[in-house]
N, C-alpha and C. Protein backbone atom coordinates (compact mmCIF):
# COMPACT_ATOMS: atom_id res chain seq x y z
N UNK A 1 -79.65 -17.01 -40.61
CA UNK A 1 -80.99 -17.14 -41.14
C UNK A 1 -81.12 -18.41 -41.94
N UNK A 2 -82.36 -19.07 -41.78
CA UNK A 2 -82.55 -20.39 -42.37
C UNK A 2 -82.35 -20.41 -43.85
N UNK A 3 -82.84 -19.45 -44.65
CA UNK A 3 -82.80 -19.58 -46.06
C UNK A 3 -81.36 -19.46 -46.54
N UNK A 4 -80.61 -18.54 -45.87
CA UNK A 4 -79.18 -18.50 -46.30
C UNK A 4 -78.35 -19.78 -46.00
N UNK A 5 -78.59 -20.38 -44.85
CA UNK A 5 -77.93 -21.66 -44.59
C UNK A 5 -78.45 -22.71 -45.53
N UNK A 6 -79.74 -22.78 -45.83
CA UNK A 6 -80.17 -23.72 -46.78
C UNK A 6 -79.59 -23.51 -48.22
N UNK A 7 -79.46 -22.24 -48.56
CA UNK A 7 -78.85 -21.99 -49.88
C UNK A 7 -77.34 -22.50 -49.86
N UNK A 8 -76.64 -22.29 -48.78
CA UNK A 8 -75.20 -22.81 -48.80
C UNK A 8 -75.22 -24.40 -48.90
N UNK A 9 -76.14 -24.95 -48.22
CA UNK A 9 -76.17 -26.44 -48.35
C UNK A 9 -76.50 -26.84 -49.79
N UNK A 10 -77.42 -26.14 -50.35
CA UNK A 10 -77.72 -26.48 -51.75
C UNK A 10 -76.50 -26.19 -52.70
N UNK A 11 -75.79 -25.20 -52.49
CA UNK A 11 -74.52 -25.01 -53.22
C UNK A 11 -73.65 -26.23 -53.01
N UNK A 12 -73.50 -26.65 -51.91
CA UNK A 12 -72.57 -27.82 -51.59
C UNK A 12 -73.02 -29.06 -52.42
N UNK A 13 -74.39 -29.15 -52.57
CA UNK A 13 -74.97 -30.23 -53.32
C UNK A 13 -74.99 -30.05 -54.86
N UNK A 14 -74.54 -28.90 -55.29
CA UNK A 14 -74.49 -28.58 -56.66
C UNK A 14 -75.82 -28.12 -57.21
N UNK A 15 -76.83 -27.77 -56.37
CA UNK A 15 -78.09 -27.35 -56.79
C UNK A 15 -78.12 -25.85 -56.80
N UNK A 16 -77.50 -25.30 -57.79
CA UNK A 16 -77.28 -23.83 -57.79
C UNK A 16 -78.50 -22.93 -58.02
N UNK A 17 -79.39 -23.41 -58.91
CA UNK A 17 -80.54 -22.53 -59.12
C UNK A 17 -81.46 -22.51 -57.86
N UNK A 18 -81.53 -23.62 -57.16
CA UNK A 18 -82.37 -23.68 -55.90
C UNK A 18 -81.60 -22.90 -54.86
N UNK A 19 -80.30 -22.91 -54.82
CA UNK A 19 -79.57 -22.16 -53.86
C UNK A 19 -79.78 -20.58 -54.09
N UNK A 20 -79.78 -20.18 -55.27
CA UNK A 20 -80.04 -18.77 -55.61
C UNK A 20 -81.39 -18.32 -55.13
N UNK A 21 -82.47 -19.31 -55.29
CA UNK A 21 -83.77 -18.95 -54.80
C UNK A 21 -83.73 -18.74 -53.25
N UNK A 22 -83.08 -19.73 -52.59
CA UNK A 22 -82.99 -19.54 -51.13
C UNK A 22 -82.35 -18.20 -50.68
N UNK A 23 -81.25 -17.91 -51.41
CA UNK A 23 -80.45 -16.64 -51.01
C UNK A 23 -81.38 -15.45 -51.30
N UNK A 24 -82.14 -15.50 -52.52
CA UNK A 24 -83.06 -14.38 -52.83
C UNK A 24 -84.14 -14.26 -51.71
N UNK A 25 -84.61 -15.36 -51.21
CA UNK A 25 -85.64 -15.38 -50.16
C UNK A 25 -85.11 -14.74 -48.90
N UNK A 26 -83.82 -15.14 -48.61
CA UNK A 26 -83.17 -14.55 -47.35
C UNK A 26 -83.00 -13.09 -47.48
N UNK A 27 -82.67 -12.64 -48.64
CA UNK A 27 -82.47 -11.13 -48.89
C UNK A 27 -83.82 -10.51 -48.82
N UNK A 28 -84.91 -11.04 -49.28
CA UNK A 28 -86.24 -10.53 -49.20
C UNK A 28 -86.66 -10.41 -47.78
N UNK A 29 -86.49 -11.42 -47.08
CA UNK A 29 -87.00 -11.42 -45.57
C UNK A 29 -86.24 -10.61 -44.70
N UNK A 30 -84.94 -10.52 -44.99
CA UNK A 30 -84.10 -9.65 -44.01
C UNK A 30 -83.13 -8.88 -44.94
N UNK A 31 -83.59 -7.59 -45.37
CA UNK A 31 -82.85 -6.85 -46.30
C UNK A 31 -81.52 -6.30 -45.74
N UNK A 32 -81.45 -6.16 -44.47
CA UNK A 32 -80.21 -5.60 -43.91
C UNK A 32 -79.30 -6.67 -43.34
N UNK A 33 -79.27 -7.85 -44.03
CA UNK A 33 -78.37 -8.98 -43.75
C UNK A 33 -77.58 -9.29 -44.91
N UNK A 34 -76.21 -9.16 -44.76
CA UNK A 34 -75.31 -9.24 -45.89
C UNK A 34 -74.96 -10.66 -46.35
N UNK A 35 -75.12 -11.61 -45.34
CA UNK A 35 -74.59 -12.90 -45.70
C UNK A 35 -75.18 -13.57 -46.94
N UNK A 36 -76.47 -13.47 -47.25
CA UNK A 36 -77.04 -14.08 -48.52
C UNK A 36 -76.38 -13.39 -49.71
N UNK A 37 -76.06 -12.10 -49.65
CA UNK A 37 -75.29 -11.52 -50.81
C UNK A 37 -73.95 -11.95 -51.00
N UNK A 38 -73.28 -12.20 -49.85
CA UNK A 38 -71.88 -12.80 -49.91
C UNK A 38 -71.92 -14.17 -50.50
N UNK A 39 -72.82 -14.94 -50.02
CA UNK A 39 -73.00 -16.31 -50.51
C UNK A 39 -73.38 -16.40 -52.04
N UNK A 40 -74.24 -15.49 -52.38
CA UNK A 40 -74.56 -15.39 -53.83
C UNK A 40 -73.37 -14.92 -54.72
N UNK A 41 -72.66 -14.03 -54.13
CA UNK A 41 -71.33 -13.60 -54.87
C UNK A 41 -70.39 -14.75 -54.94
N UNK A 42 -70.22 -15.56 -53.97
CA UNK A 42 -69.37 -16.73 -54.04
C UNK A 42 -69.74 -17.65 -55.12
N UNK A 43 -71.08 -17.87 -55.17
CA UNK A 43 -71.67 -18.76 -56.20
C UNK A 43 -71.47 -18.17 -57.62
N UNK A 44 -71.68 -16.91 -57.78
CA UNK A 44 -71.47 -16.22 -59.07
C UNK A 44 -69.99 -16.24 -59.41
N UNK A 45 -69.07 -16.12 -58.46
CA UNK A 45 -67.65 -16.13 -58.81
C UNK A 45 -67.38 -17.56 -59.31
N UNK A 46 -67.95 -18.52 -58.66
CA UNK A 46 -67.74 -19.96 -59.02
C UNK A 46 -68.24 -20.24 -60.38
N UNK A 47 -69.19 -19.54 -60.86
CA UNK A 47 -69.86 -19.74 -62.18
C UNK A 47 -69.23 -18.87 -63.22
N UNK A 48 -68.22 -18.06 -62.73
CA UNK A 48 -67.52 -17.19 -63.70
C UNK A 48 -68.38 -15.95 -64.07
N UNK A 49 -69.30 -15.62 -63.19
CA UNK A 49 -70.18 -14.42 -63.33
C UNK A 49 -69.68 -13.29 -62.45
N UNK A 50 -68.41 -12.92 -62.74
CA UNK A 50 -67.80 -11.88 -61.85
C UNK A 50 -68.52 -10.54 -61.72
N UNK A 51 -69.06 -10.07 -62.83
CA UNK A 51 -69.79 -8.80 -62.82
C UNK A 51 -71.02 -8.90 -61.83
N UNK A 52 -71.70 -9.98 -61.91
CA UNK A 52 -72.92 -10.10 -60.99
C UNK A 52 -72.41 -10.36 -59.67
N UNK A 53 -71.25 -11.07 -59.41
CA UNK A 53 -70.69 -11.27 -58.14
C UNK A 53 -70.34 -9.93 -57.40
N UNK A 54 -69.74 -9.02 -58.23
CA UNK A 54 -69.39 -7.70 -57.75
C UNK A 54 -70.63 -6.91 -57.31
N UNK A 55 -71.78 -7.03 -58.12
CA UNK A 55 -72.98 -6.41 -57.77
C UNK A 55 -73.53 -6.85 -56.38
N UNK A 56 -73.37 -8.15 -56.14
CA UNK A 56 -73.83 -8.82 -54.94
C UNK A 56 -72.98 -8.27 -53.78
N UNK A 57 -71.67 -8.15 -53.95
CA UNK A 57 -70.77 -7.62 -52.97
C UNK A 57 -71.12 -6.20 -52.61
N UNK A 58 -71.48 -5.36 -53.61
CA UNK A 58 -71.90 -4.00 -53.33
C UNK A 58 -73.19 -4.12 -52.52
N UNK A 59 -74.11 -4.93 -52.86
CA UNK A 59 -75.41 -5.06 -52.11
C UNK A 59 -75.05 -5.55 -50.67
N UNK A 60 -74.19 -6.38 -50.42
CA UNK A 60 -73.77 -6.80 -49.01
C UNK A 60 -73.30 -5.61 -48.30
N UNK A 61 -72.43 -4.75 -48.87
CA UNK A 61 -72.00 -3.61 -48.16
C UNK A 61 -73.04 -2.64 -47.87
N UNK A 62 -73.96 -2.52 -48.80
CA UNK A 62 -75.14 -1.62 -48.57
C UNK A 62 -76.05 -2.14 -47.42
N UNK A 63 -76.16 -3.50 -47.43
CA UNK A 63 -76.97 -4.17 -46.36
C UNK A 63 -76.42 -3.96 -45.02
N UNK A 64 -75.20 -4.04 -44.85
CA UNK A 64 -74.56 -3.94 -43.49
C UNK A 64 -73.26 -3.07 -43.62
N UNK A 65 -73.47 -1.78 -43.83
CA UNK A 65 -72.30 -0.89 -44.07
C UNK A 65 -71.38 -0.68 -42.85
N UNK A 66 -71.77 -1.12 -41.64
CA UNK A 66 -70.90 -1.01 -40.49
C UNK A 66 -70.51 -2.35 -39.92
N UNK A 67 -70.65 -3.33 -40.63
CA UNK A 67 -70.20 -4.74 -40.20
C UNK A 67 -68.87 -4.99 -40.69
N UNK A 68 -67.81 -4.95 -39.79
CA UNK A 68 -66.44 -5.07 -40.34
C UNK A 68 -66.16 -6.33 -41.06
N UNK A 69 -66.76 -7.48 -40.73
CA UNK A 69 -66.56 -8.71 -41.43
C UNK A 69 -67.04 -8.61 -42.84
N UNK A 70 -68.18 -7.99 -43.06
CA UNK A 70 -68.71 -7.87 -44.42
C UNK A 70 -67.83 -6.97 -45.16
N UNK A 71 -67.38 -5.84 -44.62
CA UNK A 71 -66.52 -5.00 -45.30
C UNK A 71 -65.14 -5.52 -45.65
N UNK A 72 -64.63 -6.29 -44.72
CA UNK A 72 -63.31 -6.96 -44.97
C UNK A 72 -63.45 -8.05 -46.10
N UNK A 73 -64.55 -8.88 -46.05
CA UNK A 73 -64.71 -9.80 -47.11
C UNK A 73 -64.80 -9.23 -48.44
N UNK A 74 -65.62 -8.15 -48.54
CA UNK A 74 -65.77 -7.55 -49.86
C UNK A 74 -64.44 -6.88 -50.28
N UNK A 75 -63.77 -6.33 -49.40
CA UNK A 75 -62.40 -5.66 -49.74
C UNK A 75 -61.46 -6.81 -50.20
N UNK A 76 -61.42 -7.94 -49.60
CA UNK A 76 -60.67 -9.03 -50.09
C UNK A 76 -60.94 -9.41 -51.56
N UNK A 77 -62.24 -9.62 -51.88
CA UNK A 77 -62.60 -9.94 -53.17
C UNK A 77 -62.24 -8.78 -54.23
N UNK A 78 -62.47 -7.54 -53.88
CA UNK A 78 -62.24 -6.41 -54.79
C UNK A 78 -60.73 -6.13 -54.99
N UNK A 79 -59.96 -6.54 -54.00
CA UNK A 79 -58.51 -6.28 -54.00
C UNK A 79 -57.74 -7.30 -54.67
N UNK A 80 -58.16 -8.60 -54.54
CA UNK A 80 -57.29 -9.74 -54.93
C UNK A 80 -57.79 -10.52 -56.14
N UNK A 81 -58.89 -10.27 -56.68
CA UNK A 81 -59.35 -11.00 -57.81
C UNK A 81 -58.40 -11.05 -58.94
N UNK A 82 -58.17 -12.25 -59.44
CA UNK A 82 -57.25 -12.41 -60.64
C UNK A 82 -57.83 -11.76 -61.80
N UNK A 83 -59.18 -11.64 -61.94
CA UNK A 83 -59.71 -11.02 -63.07
C UNK A 83 -59.74 -9.59 -62.85
N UNK A 84 -58.99 -8.81 -63.69
CA UNK A 84 -58.74 -7.41 -63.53
C UNK A 84 -60.16 -6.68 -63.64
N UNK A 85 -61.03 -7.10 -64.50
CA UNK A 85 -62.29 -6.42 -64.62
C UNK A 85 -63.16 -6.49 -63.29
N UNK A 86 -62.85 -7.46 -62.43
CA UNK A 86 -63.55 -7.56 -61.15
C UNK A 86 -62.87 -6.87 -59.98
N UNK A 87 -61.70 -6.38 -60.28
CA UNK A 87 -60.92 -5.69 -59.10
C UNK A 87 -61.35 -4.15 -59.11
N UNK A 88 -61.34 -3.67 -57.90
CA UNK A 88 -61.52 -2.23 -57.68
C UNK A 88 -60.67 -2.01 -56.42
N UNK A 89 -59.44 -1.52 -56.66
CA UNK A 89 -58.50 -1.39 -55.61
C UNK A 89 -58.88 -0.17 -54.66
N UNK A 90 -59.37 0.93 -55.16
CA UNK A 90 -59.67 2.02 -54.45
C UNK A 90 -60.85 1.74 -53.52
N UNK A 91 -61.84 1.14 -54.12
CA UNK A 91 -63.11 0.72 -53.33
C UNK A 91 -62.65 -0.26 -52.21
N UNK A 92 -61.80 -1.20 -52.61
CA UNK A 92 -61.34 -2.28 -51.61
C UNK A 92 -60.65 -1.50 -50.45
N UNK A 93 -59.81 -0.55 -50.78
CA UNK A 93 -59.08 0.26 -49.74
C UNK A 93 -60.07 0.93 -48.84
N UNK A 94 -61.00 1.67 -49.41
CA UNK A 94 -62.07 2.32 -48.59
C UNK A 94 -62.78 1.41 -47.67
N UNK A 95 -63.14 0.20 -48.23
CA UNK A 95 -63.87 -0.77 -47.31
C UNK A 95 -62.92 -1.27 -46.24
N UNK A 96 -61.62 -1.63 -46.62
CA UNK A 96 -60.77 -2.12 -45.61
C UNK A 96 -60.41 -1.12 -44.53
N UNK A 97 -60.26 0.03 -44.93
CA UNK A 97 -59.87 1.09 -43.83
C UNK A 97 -61.10 1.22 -42.87
N UNK A 98 -62.23 1.22 -43.43
CA UNK A 98 -63.41 1.33 -42.58
C UNK A 98 -63.53 0.19 -41.62
N UNK A 99 -63.33 -1.10 -42.22
CA UNK A 99 -63.39 -2.32 -41.43
C UNK A 99 -62.34 -2.32 -40.32
N UNK A 100 -61.20 -1.84 -40.62
CA UNK A 100 -60.10 -1.74 -39.68
C UNK A 100 -60.46 -0.80 -38.51
N UNK A 101 -61.04 0.27 -38.87
CA UNK A 101 -61.43 1.32 -37.82
C UNK A 101 -62.54 0.72 -37.00
N UNK A 102 -63.49 0.03 -37.59
CA UNK A 102 -64.64 -0.48 -36.88
C UNK A 102 -64.20 -1.61 -36.02
N UNK A 103 -63.12 -2.34 -36.32
CA UNK A 103 -62.72 -3.57 -35.67
C UNK A 103 -61.72 -3.20 -34.57
N UNK A 104 -61.26 -1.95 -34.52
CA UNK A 104 -60.33 -1.54 -33.46
C UNK A 104 -58.93 -1.92 -33.76
N UNK A 105 -58.57 -2.14 -35.05
CA UNK A 105 -57.25 -2.45 -35.52
C UNK A 105 -56.60 -3.67 -34.98
N UNK A 106 -57.53 -4.69 -34.59
CA UNK A 106 -57.01 -5.94 -33.92
C UNK A 106 -57.34 -7.19 -34.60
N UNK A 107 -58.11 -7.13 -35.78
CA UNK A 107 -58.59 -8.33 -36.43
C UNK A 107 -57.67 -8.78 -37.50
N UNK A 108 -56.96 -9.89 -37.41
CA UNK A 108 -56.03 -10.27 -38.48
C UNK A 108 -56.57 -10.34 -39.84
N UNK A 109 -57.91 -10.88 -39.95
CA UNK A 109 -58.45 -10.99 -41.31
C UNK A 109 -58.63 -9.60 -42.00
N UNK A 110 -58.97 -8.55 -41.12
CA UNK A 110 -59.23 -7.29 -41.57
C UNK A 110 -57.92 -6.64 -41.99
N UNK A 111 -56.81 -6.78 -41.15
CA UNK A 111 -55.57 -6.32 -41.47
C UNK A 111 -54.98 -6.97 -42.76
N UNK A 112 -55.31 -8.21 -42.94
CA UNK A 112 -54.85 -8.86 -44.10
C UNK A 112 -55.53 -8.36 -45.36
N UNK A 113 -56.80 -8.16 -45.25
CA UNK A 113 -57.53 -7.49 -46.45
C UNK A 113 -57.04 -6.06 -46.64
N UNK A 114 -56.68 -5.32 -45.56
CA UNK A 114 -56.18 -3.98 -45.75
C UNK A 114 -54.88 -4.09 -46.49
N UNK A 115 -54.05 -5.05 -46.19
CA UNK A 115 -52.73 -5.17 -46.86
C UNK A 115 -52.96 -5.44 -48.34
N UNK A 116 -53.87 -6.33 -48.67
CA UNK A 116 -54.25 -6.66 -50.06
C UNK A 116 -54.71 -5.37 -50.76
N UNK A 117 -55.52 -4.59 -50.16
CA UNK A 117 -56.01 -3.41 -50.77
C UNK A 117 -54.99 -2.38 -50.97
N UNK A 118 -54.02 -2.16 -49.96
CA UNK A 118 -52.95 -1.32 -50.18
C UNK A 118 -52.05 -1.72 -51.39
N UNK A 119 -51.72 -3.00 -51.37
CA UNK A 119 -50.95 -3.61 -52.52
C UNK A 119 -51.59 -3.31 -53.87
N UNK A 120 -52.88 -3.55 -53.90
CA UNK A 120 -53.61 -3.37 -55.16
C UNK A 120 -53.52 -1.89 -55.63
N UNK A 121 -53.53 -1.00 -54.70
CA UNK A 121 -53.46 0.45 -55.02
C UNK A 121 -51.98 0.89 -55.17
N UNK A 122 -50.98 -0.06 -55.02
CA UNK A 122 -49.60 0.36 -55.17
C UNK A 122 -48.92 0.86 -54.01
N UNK A 123 -49.58 0.91 -52.90
CA UNK A 123 -48.96 1.34 -51.64
C UNK A 123 -48.35 0.15 -50.83
N UNK A 124 -47.13 -0.29 -51.33
CA UNK A 124 -46.56 -1.50 -50.77
C UNK A 124 -45.99 -1.31 -49.35
N UNK A 125 -45.61 -0.13 -49.01
CA UNK A 125 -45.16 0.13 -47.73
C UNK A 125 -46.26 -0.10 -46.61
N UNK A 126 -47.50 0.52 -46.84
CA UNK A 126 -48.56 0.17 -45.98
C UNK A 126 -49.08 -1.20 -46.06
N UNK A 127 -48.98 -1.80 -47.27
CA UNK A 127 -49.37 -3.23 -47.42
C UNK A 127 -48.53 -4.12 -46.52
N UNK A 128 -47.21 -3.85 -46.47
CA UNK A 128 -46.27 -4.58 -45.66
C UNK A 128 -46.60 -4.38 -44.14
N UNK A 129 -46.88 -3.13 -43.84
CA UNK A 129 -47.15 -2.84 -42.39
C UNK A 129 -48.40 -3.58 -41.95
N UNK A 130 -49.50 -3.55 -42.80
CA UNK A 130 -50.75 -4.24 -42.49
C UNK A 130 -50.53 -5.68 -42.39
N UNK A 131 -49.75 -6.23 -43.44
CA UNK A 131 -49.51 -7.68 -43.37
C UNK A 131 -48.70 -8.06 -42.11
N UNK A 132 -47.79 -7.31 -41.77
CA UNK A 132 -46.92 -7.64 -40.59
C UNK A 132 -47.86 -7.56 -39.34
N UNK A 133 -48.73 -6.60 -39.26
CA UNK A 133 -49.59 -6.52 -38.12
C UNK A 133 -50.55 -7.73 -38.05
N UNK A 134 -51.16 -8.06 -39.28
CA UNK A 134 -52.01 -9.26 -39.33
C UNK A 134 -51.29 -10.47 -38.99
N UNK A 135 -50.09 -10.66 -39.44
CA UNK A 135 -49.25 -11.89 -39.17
C UNK A 135 -48.93 -11.94 -37.66
N UNK A 136 -48.62 -10.81 -37.03
CA UNK A 136 -48.30 -10.89 -35.65
C UNK A 136 -49.53 -11.30 -34.78
N UNK A 137 -50.76 -10.72 -35.14
CA UNK A 137 -51.90 -11.14 -34.37
C UNK A 137 -52.30 -12.60 -34.75
N UNK A 138 -52.21 -13.06 -35.96
CA UNK A 138 -52.57 -14.37 -36.38
C UNK A 138 -51.63 -15.36 -35.70
N UNK A 139 -50.37 -15.02 -35.58
CA UNK A 139 -49.38 -16.00 -34.90
C UNK A 139 -49.72 -16.07 -33.53
N UNK A 140 -50.05 -14.83 -32.90
CA UNK A 140 -50.35 -14.81 -31.42
C UNK A 140 -51.66 -15.66 -31.14
N UNK A 141 -52.62 -15.62 -32.04
CA UNK A 141 -53.85 -16.40 -31.81
C UNK A 141 -53.81 -17.77 -32.38
N UNK A 142 -52.53 -18.15 -32.93
CA UNK A 142 -52.33 -19.45 -33.56
C UNK A 142 -53.39 -19.78 -34.68
N UNK A 143 -53.66 -18.81 -35.49
CA UNK A 143 -54.61 -19.01 -36.56
C UNK A 143 -53.92 -19.85 -37.70
N UNK A 144 -54.80 -20.52 -38.45
CA UNK A 144 -54.34 -21.38 -39.48
C UNK A 144 -53.80 -20.55 -40.71
N UNK A 145 -54.25 -19.37 -40.91
CA UNK A 145 -53.90 -18.62 -42.10
C UNK A 145 -52.58 -17.80 -41.93
N UNK A 146 -51.82 -18.02 -40.90
CA UNK A 146 -50.61 -17.34 -40.78
C UNK A 146 -49.60 -17.52 -41.95
N UNK A 147 -49.54 -18.70 -42.45
CA UNK A 147 -48.57 -19.00 -43.65
C UNK A 147 -49.04 -18.22 -44.86
N UNK A 148 -50.38 -18.12 -45.10
CA UNK A 148 -50.93 -17.41 -46.21
C UNK A 148 -50.57 -15.90 -46.08
N UNK A 149 -50.75 -15.35 -44.95
CA UNK A 149 -50.40 -13.99 -44.69
C UNK A 149 -48.88 -13.78 -44.94
N UNK A 150 -48.16 -14.71 -44.50
CA UNK A 150 -46.63 -14.58 -44.65
C UNK A 150 -46.32 -14.60 -46.12
N UNK A 151 -46.99 -15.40 -46.94
CA UNK A 151 -46.77 -15.45 -48.42
C UNK A 151 -47.11 -14.11 -48.99
N UNK A 152 -48.25 -13.52 -48.65
CA UNK A 152 -48.58 -12.21 -49.10
C UNK A 152 -47.56 -11.19 -48.74
N UNK A 153 -47.06 -11.18 -47.54
CA UNK A 153 -46.06 -10.27 -47.14
C UNK A 153 -44.87 -10.36 -48.01
N UNK A 154 -44.43 -11.45 -48.33
CA UNK A 154 -43.25 -11.65 -49.20
C UNK A 154 -43.47 -11.01 -50.67
N UNK A 155 -44.65 -11.20 -51.05
CA UNK A 155 -45.03 -10.60 -52.35
C UNK A 155 -44.99 -8.99 -52.30
N UNK A 156 -45.54 -8.44 -51.10
CA UNK A 156 -45.56 -6.95 -50.97
C UNK A 156 -44.12 -6.50 -50.93
N UNK A 157 -43.24 -7.30 -50.37
CA UNK A 157 -41.83 -6.88 -50.29
C UNK A 157 -41.18 -6.76 -51.70
N UNK A 158 -41.73 -7.55 -52.64
CA UNK A 158 -41.27 -7.55 -54.06
C UNK A 158 -42.14 -6.57 -54.84
N UNK A 159 -43.02 -5.84 -54.09
CA UNK A 159 -43.85 -4.86 -54.87
C UNK A 159 -44.86 -5.58 -55.88
N UNK A 160 -45.42 -6.67 -55.33
CA UNK A 160 -46.39 -7.38 -56.12
C UNK A 160 -47.62 -7.56 -55.30
N UNK A 161 -48.79 -7.25 -55.93
CA UNK A 161 -50.07 -7.56 -55.24
C UNK A 161 -50.40 -9.00 -55.20
N UNK A 162 -51.34 -9.32 -54.33
CA UNK A 162 -51.88 -10.68 -54.22
C UNK A 162 -52.94 -10.92 -55.21
N UNK A 163 -52.95 -12.07 -55.91
CA UNK A 163 -54.06 -12.42 -56.77
C UNK A 163 -54.56 -13.81 -56.47
N UNK A 164 -55.88 -13.92 -56.58
CA UNK A 164 -56.39 -15.38 -56.43
C UNK A 164 -57.61 -15.50 -57.26
N UNK A 165 -57.86 -16.74 -57.57
CA UNK A 165 -59.13 -17.07 -58.30
C UNK A 165 -60.24 -17.39 -57.35
N UNK A 166 -61.40 -16.86 -57.60
CA UNK A 166 -62.48 -17.03 -56.80
C UNK A 166 -63.50 -17.93 -57.51
N UNK A 167 -63.04 -18.54 -58.64
CA UNK A 167 -63.86 -19.39 -59.52
C UNK A 167 -64.16 -20.71 -58.87
N UNK A 168 -63.26 -21.18 -58.00
CA UNK A 168 -63.54 -22.47 -57.20
C UNK A 168 -63.40 -22.05 -55.81
N UNK A 169 -64.55 -21.92 -55.16
CA UNK A 169 -64.49 -21.36 -53.75
C UNK A 169 -63.83 -22.40 -52.77
N UNK A 170 -63.62 -23.67 -53.23
CA UNK A 170 -62.93 -24.64 -52.37
C UNK A 170 -61.57 -24.83 -52.62
N UNK A 171 -61.00 -24.06 -53.75
CA UNK A 171 -59.53 -24.16 -54.09
C UNK A 171 -58.78 -23.37 -53.01
N UNK A 172 -57.62 -23.78 -52.82
CA UNK A 172 -56.66 -22.91 -51.95
C UNK A 172 -56.40 -21.63 -52.68
N UNK A 173 -56.15 -20.62 -51.90
CA UNK A 173 -55.84 -19.25 -52.44
C UNK A 173 -54.43 -19.37 -53.15
N UNK A 174 -54.26 -18.62 -54.21
CA UNK A 174 -52.95 -18.70 -54.91
C UNK A 174 -52.66 -17.35 -55.46
N UNK A 175 -51.45 -17.13 -55.81
CA UNK A 175 -51.17 -15.88 -56.50
C UNK A 175 -50.85 -16.20 -57.91
N UNK A 176 -51.20 -15.30 -58.78
CA UNK A 176 -50.97 -15.49 -60.21
C UNK A 176 -49.88 -14.51 -60.76
């Protein structure tokens, strides 16, 4: 959708207020489209507005409750946020399980998010299984994120969840 794409371009230019207007217009014109909510959440995370970002992620899930990519993206944010107040492991797990079922258990990004959610809820055995499955598929497809999945798998083996900052959407993912 044009307004969502325009909003993303405005974010890249640092014109955040204008970007939010474009995302809001995209949401108004197409209420069952999650992407403007995801983009708004990213911007809110970047601005340190984690509570509002979480509300946008919930809105994204409501917009497209059966879109596995939306569910996996939201699960990732809710499972891995370094800000404890913005995490919701149980909700992340619910989203990731549904995304995995919808995707046919073959999407590396979904399995990776599932691993994050399992780790956040303390189920490191299933976190390792999900990460291993994600890694196998990512390696097979020669995806660039294999090393990041491998890093998460090592944490799960140590019974540690993955953490990352979403404050700078251009920063590499990292564990705290």
